[in-house]
Every structure is written in structure tokens, then in C-alpha cells.
Amino acid sequence: MTTLTSADILKQQKTLKILASVFLFLSYLIGLGALIGTLYLLLTPRGIGGWILPAFSFLTGLIVFLFLFSISKIITILIVISQK
């Protein structure tokens, strides 16, 4: 039988696992959206300087993807450390 403290810790770990999964899903979703948006902007005809908008959309998507992905991995590492 687990004590009240360890039961609370297990509940918090489950909540953190769900949160890490949500962050990971959002990061993949935003990364895929940025990639599709960048390809669309690159393949539609634009005038001179038509590379600026796709470059900004790709860099913005990459930065948001890396931020959310790293938060997800940090939460996962904290869960693994707390289980030891």
C-alpha cells in the first residue's frame, strides 16, 4: 500500500506525463504546419523578395517547435529523475 505522499507523487507524475504529451503533440503540429506553410509560400509565385515571407514563417515555426519540444523533453527528464 502506498502512503498518501507517494500517491500524490504518482498523480503528479501522471499529470506531468499528460502535459509532456500535449507539448510534444503541439510541437509536431506547429512544426508540420510551418513546413507546409513554408512550402506553399515558396511554390506560389511572388515578385522580387518573395523569399522573405517563407523564411520568416519557417524560422518562426522552427523556433516555436524547438521551444515546445524542449519543454516536453525537460518534463520527461524530470519525471524519470523523480521516479528514481
C-alpha atoms as a PDB file:
ATOM      1  CA  MET A   1       0.000   0.000   0.000  1.00  0.00           C
ATOM      2  CA  THR A   2       1.303   3.410  -0.863  1.00  0.00           C
ATOM      3  CA  THR A   3       1.343   6.291   1.525  1.00  0.00           C
ATOM      4  CA  LEU A   4      -0.519   9.498   0.874  1.00  0.00           C
ATOM      5  CA  THR A   5       2.662  11.254  -0.178  1.00  0.00           C
ATOM      6  CA  SER A   6       3.664   8.668  -2.765  1.00  0.00           C
ATOM      7  CA  ALA A   7       0.112   8.559  -4.100  1.00  0.00           C
ATOM      8  CA  ASP A   8       0.233  12.312  -4.607  1.00  0.00           C
ATOM      9  CA  ILE A   9       3.571  11.994  -6.357  1.00  0.00           C
ATOM     10  CA  LEU A  10       2.200   9.320  -8.697  1.00  0.00           C
ATOM     11  CA  LYS A  11      -0.793  11.531  -9.520  1.00  0.00           C
ATOM     12  CA  GLN A  12       1.510  14.475 -10.245  1.00  0.00           C
ATOM     13  CA  GLN A  13       3.726  12.298 -12.439  1.00  0.00           C
ATOM     14  CA  LYS A  14       0.674  11.189 -14.431  1.00  0.00           C
ATOM     15  CA  THR A  15      -0.378  14.816 -14.868  1.00  0.00           C
ATOM     16  CA  LEU A  16       3.129  15.757 -15.985  1.00  0.00           C
ATOM     17  CA  LYS A  17       3.174  12.896 -18.496  1.00  0.00           C
ATOM     18  CA  ILE A  18      -0.069  14.189 -19.992  1.00  0.00           C
ATOM     19  CA  LEU A  19       1.342  17.719 -20.101  1.00  0.00           C
ATOM     20  CA  ALA A  20       4.523  16.495 -21.792  1.00  0.00           C
ATOM     21  CA  SER A  21       2.444  14.626 -24.363  1.00  0.00           C
ATOM     22  CA  VAL A  22       0.380  17.738 -25.090  1.00  0.00           C
ATOM     23  CA  PHE A  23       3.520  19.844 -25.566  1.00  0.00           C
ATOM     24  CA  LEU A  24       5.026  17.190 -27.838  1.00  0.00           C
ATOM     25  CA  PHE A  25       1.836  16.969 -29.917  1.00  0.00           C
ATOM     26  CA  LEU A  26       1.646  20.755 -30.233  1.00  0.00           C
ATOM     27  CA  SER A  27       5.294  20.976 -31.244  1.00  0.00           C
ATOM     28  CA  TYR A  28       4.839  18.402 -34.007  1.00  0.00           C
ATOM     29  CA  LEU A  29       1.623  20.070 -35.146  1.00  0.00           C
ATOM     30  CA  ILE A  30       3.217  23.526 -35.309  1.00  0.00           C
ATOM     31  CA  GLY A  31       6.344  22.147 -36.991  1.00  0.00           C
ATOM     32  CA  LEU A  32       4.284  20.388 -39.654  1.00  0.00           C
ATOM     33  CA  GLY A  33       2.125  23.473 -40.167  1.00  0.00           C
ATOM     34  CA  ALA A  34       5.190  25.683 -40.545  1.00  0.00           C
ATOM     35  CA  LEU A  35       6.703  23.269 -43.044  1.00  0.00           C
ATOM     36  CA  ILE A  36       3.522  23.068 -45.123  1.00  0.00           C
ATOM     37  CA  GLY A  37       3.065  26.840 -44.947  1.00  0.00           C
ATOM     38  CA  THR A  38       6.647  27.450 -46.000  1.00  0.00           C
ATOM     39  CA  LEU A  39       6.346  25.069 -48.940  1.00  0.00           C
ATOM     40  CA  TYR A  40       3.122  26.752 -50.010  1.00  0.00           C
ATOM     41  CA  LEU A  41       4.712  30.192 -49.827  1.00  0.00           C
ATOM     42  CA  LEU A  42       7.765  29.002 -51.760  1.00  0.00           C
ATOM     43  CA  LEU A  43       5.726  27.377 -54.521  1.00  0.00           C
ATOM     44  CA  THR A  44       3.330  30.280 -55.126  1.00  0.00           C
ATOM     45  CA  PRO A  45       4.705  32.930 -57.463  1.00  0.00           C
ATOM     46  CA  ARG A  46       5.851  36.140 -55.818  1.00  0.00           C
ATOM     47  CA  GLY A  47       7.776  39.115 -57.052  1.00  0.00           C
ATOM     48  CA  ILE A  48      11.271  40.190 -56.128  1.00  0.00           C
ATOM     49  CA  GLY A  49      11.916  39.420 -52.473  1.00  0.00           C
ATOM     50  CA  GLY A  50       9.468  36.537 -52.431  1.00  0.00           C
ATOM     51  CA  TRP A  51      11.790  34.534 -50.206  1.00  0.00           C
ATOM     52  CA  ILE A  52      11.345  36.820 -47.164  1.00  0.00           C
ATOM     53  CA  LEU A  53       7.881  35.638 -46.086  1.00  0.00           C
ATOM     54  CA  PRO A  54       8.709  31.901 -46.392  1.00  0.00           C
ATOM     55  CA  ALA A  55      11.953  32.465 -44.493  1.00  0.00           C
ATOM     56  CA  PHE A  56      10.147  34.217 -41.646  1.00  0.00           C
ATOM     57  CA  SER A  57       7.435  31.576 -41.473  1.00  0.00           C
ATOM     58  CA  PHE A  58       9.995  28.764 -41.433  1.00  0.00           C
ATOM     59  CA  LEU A  59      12.172  30.392 -38.771  1.00  0.00           C
ATOM     60  CA  THR A  60       9.181  31.245 -36.592  1.00  0.00           C
ATOM     61  CA  GLY A  61       7.837  27.697 -36.861  1.00  0.00           C
ATOM     62  CA  LEU A  62      11.266  26.244 -36.134  1.00  0.00           C
ATOM     63  CA  ILE A  63      11.746  28.383 -33.028  1.00  0.00           C
ATOM     64  CA  VAL A  64       8.291  27.538 -31.651  1.00  0.00           C
ATOM     65  CA  PHE A  65       8.804  23.845 -32.462  1.00  0.00           C
ATOM     66  CA  LEU A  66      12.154  23.734 -30.689  1.00  0.00           C
ATOM     67  CA  PHE A  67      10.775  25.594 -27.666  1.00  0.00           C
ATOM     68  CA  LEU A  68       7.795  23.270 -27.197  1.00  0.00           C
ATOM     69  CA  PHE A  69       9.854  20.159 -27.960  1.00  0.00           C
ATOM     70  CA  SER A  70      12.485  21.114 -25.391  1.00  0.00           C
ATOM     71  CA  ILE A  71       9.839  21.795 -22.732  1.00  0.00           C
ATOM     72  CA  SER A  72       8.372  18.361 -23.419  1.00  0.00           C
ATOM     73  CA  LYS A  73      11.765  16.682 -23.088  1.00  0.00           C
ATOM     74  CA  ILE A  74      12.588  18.601 -19.892  1.00  0.00           C
ATOM     75  CA  ILE A  75       9.312  17.463 -18.315  1.00  0.00           C
ATOM     76  CA  THR A  76      10.020  13.875 -19.386  1.00  0.00           C
ATOM     77  CA  ILE A  77      13.523  14.012 -17.869  1.00  0.00           C
ATOM     78  CA  LEU A  78      12.098  15.404 -14.613  1.00  0.00           C
ATOM     79  CA  ILE A  79       9.607  12.525 -14.449  1.00  0.00           C
ATOM     80  CA  VAL A  80      12.395   9.977 -14.956  1.00  0.00           C
ATOM     81  CA  ILE A  81      14.544  11.637 -12.292  1.00  0.00           C
ATOM     82  CA  SER A  82      11.668  11.758  -9.792  1.00  0.00           C
ATOM     83  CA  GLN A  83      10.987   8.026 -10.244  1.00  0.00           C
ATOM     84  CA  LYS A  84      14.473   7.115  -9.028  1.00  0.00           C
END
